Structure formats: C-alpha cells, structure tokens
Amino acid sequence: QVQLVESGGGLVQAGGSLRLSCAASGRTFSRYVMAWFRQAPGKEREFVANVHWIGNEYYRDSVKGRFTISRDNAKNTVYLQMNSLKPEDTAVYYCAAATRALRTVESYDYWGQGTQVTVSS
C-alpha cells in the first residue's frame, strides 16, 4: 500500500513558476513509476509526466521544456517543477504511482488527493 500527499499548488501569474511535491509512504517507493496527472474543470484527467525507478522521464508535448519531474528515493518524494506557466495549465494536479511504466490513468494504482494550480493571465 502506498499513500501519496501532494503539496505546493497555488495561484500564480502567467510566466511564473511553482514546484509541486508528492510525499509517499512505504518502503518500496523506489520500485514505483511516479507520475503527475492533471484535471481541468469539465475535462478528463490527463498525463503530464512520469519518472521511472531508474530516472527516465517522459512528458506530454505541451509541457516539454517547461516542466521537470524528478524524484528523491531517499526522501520518498517526487517533484514537478513548473516554469513558464500558462493559463491552460490551470488544473488540479495529482500524483500517482504504478508498477508499470505507462501513461494512462488506468495504469496507476495509487493516487493523491490533488493540489490546485491556478494560472492567471
């Protein structure tokens, strides 16, 4: 069982930055693929980025070059550094964990409660 708790969301102006954190419980954190998803009002939850246990990173095209995912296995924490934020990045951001390195919502076994990110124009 893995429990995930996100933090770091908030309100920021377009062009600004935020760093999200996700603290995970459990001693097997390093074995999981960790990901960030987001869900805007009225839209489906979508993949943002994931990082594998060996450090490989993958991003959706719209955030490449602006967002960076990273993990600290010693601290059981995964991060999402978001730069050059745009109003269309506004959403609830969710941390998720999976044993397989896929990018679909259905592939992830554990989810956090979400943290709101609002980007004003």
C-alpha atoms as a PDB file:
ATOM      1  CA  GLN A   1       0.000   0.000   0.000  1.00  0.00           C
ATOM      2  CA  VAL A   2       1.242   3.466  -0.900  1.00  0.00           C
ATOM      3  CA  GLN A   3      -0.177   6.748   0.347  1.00  0.00           C
ATOM      4  CA  LEU A   4       0.553   9.940  -1.559  1.00  0.00           C
ATOM      5  CA  VAL A   5       0.231  13.517  -0.331  1.00  0.00           C
ATOM      6  CA  GLU A   6       0.710  16.444  -2.703  1.00  0.00           C
ATOM      7  CA  SER A   7       1.649  19.999  -1.787  1.00  0.00           C
ATOM      8  CA  GLY A   8       2.858  23.170  -3.450  1.00  0.00           C
ATOM      9  CA  GLY A   9      -0.117  24.254  -5.503  1.00  0.00           C
ATOM     10  CA  GLY A  10      -1.394  27.809  -5.579  1.00  0.00           C
ATOM     11  CA  LEU A  11      -2.177  30.886  -7.630  1.00  0.00           C
ATOM     12  CA  VAL A  12       0.482  32.281  -9.946  1.00  0.00           C
ATOM     13  CA  GLN A  13       0.568  34.728 -12.823  1.00  0.00           C
ATOM     14  CA  ALA A  14       1.269  33.577 -16.357  1.00  0.00           C
ATOM     15  CA  GLY A  15       5.005  33.152 -16.863  1.00  0.00           C
ATOM     16  CA  GLY A  16       5.567  32.287 -13.228  1.00  0.00           C
ATOM     17  CA  SER A  17       6.764  29.096 -11.573  1.00  0.00           C
ATOM     18  CA  LEU A  18       5.592  26.586  -8.992  1.00  0.00           C
ATOM     19  CA  ARG A  19       7.076  23.419  -7.597  1.00  0.00           C
ATOM     20  CA  LEU A  20       4.784  20.606  -6.598  1.00  0.00           C
ATOM     21  CA  SER A  21       5.869  17.915  -4.158  1.00  0.00           C
ATOM     22  CA  CYS A  22       4.419  14.486  -3.513  1.00  0.00           C
ATOM     23  CA  ALA A  23       5.412  12.630  -0.372  1.00  0.00           C
ATOM     24  CA  ALA A  24       4.908   8.879  -0.439  1.00  0.00           C
ATOM     25  CA  SER A  25       4.617   6.419   2.402  1.00  0.00           C
ATOM     26  CA  GLY A  26       6.023   2.907   2.279  1.00  0.00           C
ATOM     27  CA  ARG A  27       9.459   1.415   1.988  1.00  0.00           C
ATOM     28  CA  THR A  28       9.188   0.369  -1.659  1.00  0.00           C
ATOM     29  CA  PHE A  29       8.889   3.849  -3.162  1.00  0.00           C
ATOM     30  CA  SER A  30      11.921   3.328  -5.396  1.00  0.00           C
ATOM     31  CA  ARG A  31      10.184   0.418  -7.162  1.00  0.00           C
ATOM     32  CA  TYR A  32       7.298   2.533  -8.443  1.00  0.00           C
ATOM     33  CA  VAL A  33       6.939   4.631 -11.538  1.00  0.00           C
ATOM     34  CA  MET A  34       5.828   8.027 -10.266  1.00  0.00           C
ATOM     35  CA  ALA A  35       3.690  10.377 -12.312  1.00  0.00           C
ATOM     36  CA  TRP A  36       1.828  13.630 -12.324  1.00  0.00           C
ATOM     37  CA  PHE A  37      -1.600  13.945 -13.926  1.00  0.00           C
ATOM     38  CA  ARG A  38      -3.902  16.940 -14.076  1.00  0.00           C
ATOM     39  CA  GLN A  39      -7.596  17.549 -14.492  1.00  0.00           C
ATOM     40  CA  ALA A  40      -9.132  20.837 -15.561  1.00  0.00           C
ATOM     41  CA  PRO A  41     -12.829  21.603 -14.940  1.00  0.00           C
ATOM     42  CA  GLY A  42     -15.023  19.728 -17.375  1.00  0.00           C
ATOM     43  CA  LYS A  43     -12.116  17.776 -18.850  1.00  0.00           C
ATOM     44  CA  GLU A  44     -10.724  14.303 -18.432  1.00  0.00           C
ATOM     45  CA  ARG A  45      -7.685  13.630 -16.287  1.00  0.00           C
ATOM     46  CA  GLU A  46      -4.556  13.729 -18.432  1.00  0.00           C
ATOM     47  CA  PHE A  47      -0.978  12.568 -18.160  1.00  0.00           C
ATOM     48  CA  VAL A  48       1.611  15.270 -17.512  1.00  0.00           C
ATOM     49  CA  ALA A  49       4.894  13.488 -16.783  1.00  0.00           C
ATOM     50  CA  ASN A  50       6.366  10.387 -15.226  1.00  0.00           C
ATOM     51  CA  VAL A  51       9.721   9.242 -13.939  1.00  0.00           C
ATOM     52  CA  HIS A  52      10.858   5.646 -13.780  1.00  0.00           C
ATOM     53  CA  TRP A  53      12.760   3.982 -10.974  1.00  0.00           C
ATOM     54  CA  ILE A  54      15.978   4.393 -12.992  1.00  0.00           C
ATOM     55  CA  GLY A  55      15.272   8.049 -13.712  1.00  0.00           C
ATOM     56  CA  ASN A  56      13.900   8.026 -17.256  1.00  0.00           C
ATOM     57  CA  GLU A  57      11.451  10.879 -17.705  1.00  0.00           C
ATOM     58  CA  TYR A  58       8.524  11.342 -20.083  1.00  0.00           C
ATOM     59  CA  TYR A  59       6.352  14.403 -20.692  1.00  0.00           C
ATOM     60  CA  ARG A  60       3.243  15.341 -22.593  1.00  0.00           C
ATOM     61  CA  ASP A  61       4.166  17.536 -25.525  1.00  0.00           C
ATOM     62  CA  SER A  62       2.536  20.708 -24.202  1.00  0.00           C
ATOM     63  CA  VAL A  63       4.784  20.818 -21.118  1.00  0.00           C
ATOM     64  CA  LYS A  64       8.091  19.744 -22.634  1.00  0.00           C
ATOM     65  CA  GLY A  65      10.780  22.324 -21.963  1.00  0.00           C
ATOM     66  CA  ARG A  66       8.702  23.980 -19.232  1.00  0.00           C
ATOM     67  CA  PHE A  67       8.103  21.233 -16.646  1.00  0.00           C
ATOM     68  CA  THR A  68      10.644  18.952 -14.997  1.00  0.00           C
ATOM     69  CA  ILE A  69       9.804  15.859 -12.990  1.00  0.00           C
ATOM     70  CA  SER A  70      12.296  14.439 -10.523  1.00  0.00           C
ATOM     71  CA  ARG A  71      12.387  12.022  -7.637  1.00  0.00           C
ATOM     72  CA  ASP A  72      14.367  11.626  -4.447  1.00  0.00           C
ATOM     73  CA  ASN A  73      14.150   7.996  -3.414  1.00  0.00           C
ATOM     74  CA  ALA A  74      15.876   8.685  -0.093  1.00  0.00           C
ATOM     75  CA  LYS A  75      13.070  11.097   0.809  1.00  0.00           C
ATOM     76  CA  ASN A  76      10.247   9.116  -0.832  1.00  0.00           C
ATOM     77  CA  THR A  77       9.314  12.263  -2.718  1.00  0.00           C
ATOM     78  CA  VAL A  78       8.604  13.189  -6.313  1.00  0.00           C
ATOM     79  CA  TYR A  79       8.612  16.754  -7.590  1.00  0.00           C
ATOM     80  CA  LEU A  80       7.200  18.677 -10.513  1.00  0.00           C
ATOM     81  CA  GLN A  81       8.970  21.938 -11.269  1.00  0.00           C
ATOM     82  CA  MET A  82       6.702  24.050 -13.467  1.00  0.00           C
ATOM     83  CA  ASN A  83       8.137  27.082 -15.234  1.00  0.00           C
ATOM     84  CA  SER A  84       6.690  29.496 -17.791  1.00  0.00           C
ATOM     85  CA  LEU A  85       3.217  28.621 -16.624  1.00  0.00           C
ATOM     86  CA  LYS A  86       0.264  29.344 -18.883  1.00  0.00           C
ATOM     87  CA  PRO A  87      -3.427  29.796 -18.083  1.00  0.00           C
ATOM     88  CA  GLU A  88      -4.114  26.492 -19.833  1.00  0.00           C
ATOM     89  CA  ASP A  89      -2.006  24.754 -17.168  1.00  0.00           C
ATOM     90  CA  THR A  90      -4.736  25.550 -14.637  1.00  0.00           C
ATOM     91  CA  ALA A  91      -5.971  22.274 -13.149  1.00  0.00           C
ATOM     92  CA  VAL A  92      -5.939  20.033 -10.128  1.00  0.00           C
ATOM     93  CA  TYR A  93      -2.629  18.173 -10.209  1.00  0.00           C
ATOM     94  CA  TYR A  94      -2.487  14.602  -8.952  1.00  0.00           C
ATOM     95  CA  CYS A  95       0.468  12.464  -8.002  1.00  0.00           C
ATOM     96  CA  ALA A  96       0.211   8.781  -8.866  1.00  0.00           C
ATOM     97  CA  ALA A  97       2.225   5.583  -8.500  1.00  0.00           C
ATOM     98  CA  ALA A  98       2.340   2.485 -10.662  1.00  0.00           C
ATOM     99  CA  THR A  99       4.371  -0.656 -11.063  1.00  0.00           C
ATOM    100  CA  ARG A 100       4.284  -0.352 -14.860  1.00  0.00           C
ATOM    101  CA  ALA A 101       5.740   2.478 -16.893  1.00  0.00           C
ATOM    102  CA  LEU A 102       2.615   3.575 -18.766  1.00  0.00           C
ATOM    103  CA  ARG A 103       0.871   6.916 -19.220  1.00  0.00           C
ATOM    104  CA  THR A 104      -2.819   6.105 -18.842  1.00  0.00           C
ATOM    105  CA  VAL A 105      -4.965   6.843 -15.806  1.00  0.00           C
ATOM    106  CA  GLU A 106      -5.954   3.167 -15.603  1.00  0.00           C
ATOM    107  CA  SER A 107      -2.310   2.091 -15.235  1.00  0.00           C
ATOM    108  CA  TYR A 108      -1.809   3.812 -11.904  1.00  0.00           C
ATOM    109  CA  ASP A 109      -2.686   2.045  -8.675  1.00  0.00           C
ATOM    110  CA  TYR A 110      -2.294   4.807  -6.109  1.00  0.00           C
ATOM    111  CA  TRP A 111      -3.372   8.460  -6.177  1.00  0.00           C
ATOM    112  CA  GLY A 112      -3.001  11.517  -4.022  1.00  0.00           C
ATOM    113  CA  GLN A 113      -5.835  13.871  -3.180  1.00  0.00           C
ATOM    114  CA  GLY A 114      -4.704  16.532  -5.637  1.00  0.00           C
ATOM    115  CA  THR A 115      -3.474  20.091  -5.368  1.00  0.00           C
ATOM    116  CA  GLN A 116      -4.967  23.077  -7.200  1.00  0.00           C
ATOM    117  CA  VAL A 117      -2.804  25.076  -9.602  1.00  0.00           C
ATOM    118  CA  THR A 118      -4.318  28.281 -10.966  1.00  0.00           C
ATOM    119  CA  VAL A 119      -2.509  30.406 -13.532  1.00  0.00           C
ATOM    120  CA  SER A 120      -3.935  33.872 -14.119  1.00  0.00           C
ATOM    121  CA  SER A 121      -3.494  35.740 -17.388  1.00  0.00           C
END
